[in-house]
Amino acid sequence: MNTSEVMKRSTVKESIESQCRSFIKEKIDRYLEIEHQGIIGGHYFAPASSECIYLYRDGYFIGAVMMSHSINEGIIKFVAERNDIKRHKTDGTTKTIAELIEEFTENSIISDTCADASMRIWNSYRADIHHMNPSVAKIDFEKLAKQNLKRLSAIEKEIFDFKLSNGAIVPKQPRYWDIKADGTAEVFLRLD
């Protein structure tokens, strides 16, 4: 590296370290206020869910809101799959997230609380945000991110709730965990 690159690297390092020190309390507060599920099934949406928590923690509220929409939809599709709920209607069209959630509650697959949390995420300016409509300029993204992350936490707690028995995880709803013949399951840890 030449002297200019070394100086630039040093300046960027100092700036990042300063920002981290300046906002550490807020980051800790945001991380803890979500009360996310510490262990979830190791499914395709688990890494994204964890990144969403980190986005919120670090103050990237628009990104956290956008990811909360996607993760919510992914979990709803996952729940449909695990409960053998067809995602297509007889006319060939795809059921909406709202239609799936309604079907879940009618069949007691999820609680009303879980359904409400999912619908509130679904209705939280999803189309406006994903299409970057001019109305996004009026959204309080910090508040919305906090609400959506708390709602996502409630959904994950219901789907992936467990108890401990002799140091082992015992899922309350095993159909959402890929339990192997030896009794183990792939999990995603978020125990920071």
Protein backbone atom coordinates (compact mmCIF):
# COMPACT_ATOMS: atom_id res chain seq x y z
CA MET A 1 0.00 0.00 0.00
CA ASN A 2 1.20 3.47 -0.74
CA THR A 3 1.16 6.29 1.81
CA SER A 4 -2.12 7.72 0.51
CA GLU A 5 -3.91 4.37 0.88
CA VAL A 6 -2.50 3.89 4.39
CA MET A 7 -3.67 7.36 5.44
CA LYS A 8 -7.10 6.84 3.91
CA ARG A 9 -7.44 3.45 5.66
CA SER A 10 -6.42 5.03 8.97
CA THR A 11 -8.93 7.87 8.57
CA VAL A 12 -11.77 5.46 7.73
CA LYS A 13 -10.81 3.25 10.69
CA GLU A 14 -10.87 6.20 13.11
CA SER A 15 -14.22 7.36 11.72
CA ILE A 16 -15.82 3.94 12.09
CA GLU A 17 -14.42 3.44 15.59
CA SER A 18 -15.67 6.89 16.61
CA GLN A 19 -19.16 6.14 15.26
CA CYS A 20 -19.24 2.81 17.09
CA ARG A 21 -18.25 4.42 20.38
CA SER A 22 -20.74 7.27 19.92
CA PHE A 23 -23.75 5.07 19.27
CA ILE A 24 -23.00 1.96 21.33
CA LYS A 25 -25.66 2.64 23.99
CA GLU A 26 -28.38 3.20 21.37
CA LYS A 27 -27.35 0.03 19.53
CA ILE A 28 -27.47 -2.04 22.71
CA ASP A 29 -30.87 -0.58 23.62
CA ARG A 30 -32.30 -1.29 20.16
CA TYR A 31 -30.92 -4.83 20.15
CA LEU A 32 -32.37 -5.68 23.54
CA GLU A 33 -35.77 -4.03 23.04
CA ILE A 34 -36.68 -6.43 20.24
CA GLU A 35 -36.52 -9.49 22.53
CA HIS A 36 -35.96 -11.75 19.53
CA GLN A 37 -36.11 -15.52 19.65
CA GLY A 38 -32.57 -16.66 20.46
CA ILE A 39 -32.80 -19.97 18.63
CA ILE A 40 -34.86 -20.65 15.53
CA GLY A 41 -34.92 -23.48 13.03
CA GLY A 42 -32.04 -23.39 10.56
CA HIS A 43 -34.21 -22.61 7.55
CA TYR A 44 -33.56 -20.50 4.47
CA PHE A 45 -34.93 -17.30 6.05
CA ALA A 46 -32.98 -17.60 9.34
CA PRO A 47 -29.85 -15.73 8.20
CA ALA A 48 -31.97 -12.91 6.75
CA SER A 49 -33.94 -12.66 9.98
CA SER A 50 -30.74 -12.28 11.96
CA GLU A 51 -29.38 -9.65 9.56
CA CYS A 52 -32.66 -7.77 9.92
CA ILE A 53 -32.10 -7.58 13.69
CA TYR A 54 -28.59 -6.23 13.08
CA LEU A 55 -29.86 -3.65 10.61
CA TYR A 56 -32.30 -2.35 13.19
CA ARG A 57 -29.66 -2.46 15.95
CA ASP A 58 -27.26 -0.45 13.81
CA GLY A 59 -29.84 2.15 12.78
CA TYR A 60 -30.55 1.08 9.20
CA PHE A 61 -34.29 1.44 9.60
CA ILE A 62 -35.42 1.44 5.95
CA GLY A 63 -33.48 -1.75 5.30
CA ALA A 64 -34.88 -3.34 8.46
CA VAL A 65 -38.45 -2.52 7.40
CA MET A 66 -37.91 -3.91 3.90
CA MET A 67 -36.36 -7.10 5.27
CA SER A 68 -39.15 -7.50 7.84
CA HIS A 69 -41.64 -7.56 4.97
CA SER A 70 -39.68 -10.24 3.14
CA ILE A 71 -39.03 -12.39 6.20
CA ASN A 72 -42.69 -12.22 7.22
CA GLU A 73 -43.71 -13.43 3.77
CA GLY A 74 -41.07 -16.15 3.84
CA ILE A 75 -42.28 -17.43 7.19
CA ILE A 76 -45.90 -17.43 6.03
CA LYS A 77 -44.95 -19.47 2.95
CA PHE A 78 -42.92 -21.80 5.19
CA VAL A 79 -45.88 -22.30 7.55
CA ALA A 80 -48.12 -23.05 4.56
CA GLU A 81 -45.64 -25.63 3.28
CA ARG A 82 -45.22 -27.33 6.67
CA ASN A 83 -48.99 -27.58 7.10
CA ASP A 84 -49.68 -28.79 3.55
CA ILE A 85 -51.64 -25.65 2.72
CA LYS A 86 -51.82 -25.11 -1.02
CA ARG A 87 -50.61 -21.67 -2.04
CA HIS A 88 -52.58 -21.69 -5.29
CA LYS A 89 -56.33 -21.37 -5.67
CA THR A 90 -58.35 -23.65 -7.91
CA ASP A 91 -58.36 -20.94 -10.61
CA GLY A 92 -54.55 -21.05 -10.70
CA THR A 93 -53.94 -17.72 -8.99
CA THR A 94 -51.70 -17.51 -5.94
CA LYS A 95 -53.24 -16.87 -2.55
CA THR A 96 -52.23 -13.59 -1.00
CA ILE A 97 -50.43 -13.46 2.31
CA ALA A 98 -53.67 -12.17 3.85
CA GLU A 99 -55.61 -15.15 2.46
CA LEU A 100 -53.01 -17.58 3.80
CA ILE A 101 -53.08 -15.97 7.23
CA GLU A 102 -56.87 -16.13 7.28
CA GLU A 103 -56.71 -19.83 6.38
CA PHE A 104 -54.15 -20.42 9.12
CA THR A 105 -56.33 -18.83 11.78
CA GLU A 106 -59.46 -20.63 10.57
CA ASN A 107 -57.58 -23.93 10.93
CA SER A 108 -55.93 -22.96 14.25
CA ILE A 109 -52.47 -23.21 12.70
CA ILE A 110 -51.42 -19.88 14.20
CA SER A 111 -52.86 -17.80 17.00
CA ASP A 112 -54.80 -14.61 16.47
CA THR A 113 -51.85 -12.75 18.01
CA CYS A 114 -49.45 -14.23 15.48
CA ALA A 115 -51.87 -13.54 12.63
CA ASP A 116 -52.29 -9.94 13.76
CA ALA A 117 -48.51 -9.43 13.95
CA SER A 118 -48.05 -10.84 10.46
CA MET A 119 -50.85 -8.76 8.98
CA ARG A 120 -49.53 -5.60 10.60
CA ILE A 121 -46.13 -6.21 9.01
CA TRP A 122 -47.83 -6.99 5.69
CA ASN A 123 -49.84 -3.73 5.88
CA SER A 124 -46.94 -1.53 7.00
CA TYR A 125 -46.52 0.46 3.78
CA ARG A 126 -45.14 -2.62 2.02
CA ALA A 127 -46.01 -1.63 -1.56
CA ASP A 128 -45.04 2.02 -1.05
CA ILE A 129 -41.66 1.09 0.38
CA HIS A 130 -40.78 -1.64 -2.10
CA HIS A 131 -41.70 0.58 -5.04
CA MET A 132 -40.21 3.70 -3.43
CA ASN A 133 -43.36 5.70 -3.94
CA PRO A 134 -43.15 9.41 -2.98
CA SER A 135 -45.22 8.69 0.14
CA VAL A 136 -42.18 7.05 1.78
CA ALA A 137 -40.89 10.54 2.57
CA LYS A 138 -43.56 10.78 5.30
CA ILE A 139 -42.84 7.43 7.01
CA ASP A 140 -41.16 7.36 10.42
CA PHE A 141 -38.87 4.44 9.56
CA GLU A 142 -37.31 4.18 13.00
CA LYS A 143 -40.72 3.73 14.63
CA LEU A 144 -41.94 1.38 11.90
CA ALA A 145 -38.78 -0.74 12.06
CA LYS A 146 -39.15 -1.12 15.82
CA GLN A 147 -42.80 -2.13 15.47
CA ASN A 148 -42.11 -4.60 12.67
CA LEU A 149 -39.14 -6.19 14.43
CA LYS A 150 -41.18 -6.68 17.60
CA ARG A 151 -43.96 -8.22 15.50
CA LEU A 152 -41.49 -10.47 13.71
CA SER A 153 -40.14 -11.51 17.09
CA ALA A 154 -43.65 -12.48 18.22
CA ILE A 155 -44.15 -14.56 15.07
CA GLU A 156 -40.82 -16.36 15.45
CA LYS A 157 -41.49 -17.01 19.13
CA GLU A 158 -44.77 -18.72 18.30
CA ILE A 159 -43.39 -20.76 15.41
CA PHE A 160 -40.06 -21.69 17.03
CA ASP A 161 -40.91 -21.75 20.71
CA PHE A 162 -39.23 -24.49 22.72
CA LYS A 163 -38.49 -25.62 26.22
CA LEU A 164 -35.29 -27.06 27.62
CA SER A 165 -35.21 -30.59 29.01
CA ASN A 166 -31.94 -31.87 30.45
CA GLY A 167 -30.07 -29.32 28.32
CA ALA A 168 -31.84 -30.32 25.10
CA ILE A 169 -34.18 -28.16 23.05
CA VAL A 170 -37.69 -29.58 22.86
CA PRO A 171 -39.69 -27.73 20.18
CA LYS A 172 -43.29 -26.93 21.05
CA GLN A 173 -44.17 -27.28 17.35
CA PRO A 174 -41.81 -29.92 15.92
CA ARG A 175 -43.23 -29.63 12.39
CA TYR A 176 -41.30 -26.36 12.05
CA TRP A 177 -37.96 -27.94 12.96
CA ASP A 178 -36.12 -30.40 10.75
CA ILE A 179 -35.58 -33.05 13.39
CA LYS A 180 -33.28 -35.83 12.23
CA ALA A 181 -33.58 -39.52 13.10
CA ASP A 182 -31.01 -39.08 15.89
CA GLY A 183 -33.15 -36.36 17.51
CA THR A 184 -30.92 -33.44 16.50
CA ALA A 185 -31.95 -30.48 14.38
CA GLU A 186 -30.16 -27.74 12.52
CA VAL A 187 -30.72 -24.48 14.35
CA PHE A 188 -29.76 -20.85 13.92
CA LEU A 189 -28.34 -19.29 17.07
CA ARG A 190 -28.88 -15.62 17.90
CA LEU A 191 -27.75 -15.61 21.51
CA ASP A 192 -25.62 -12.45 21.53
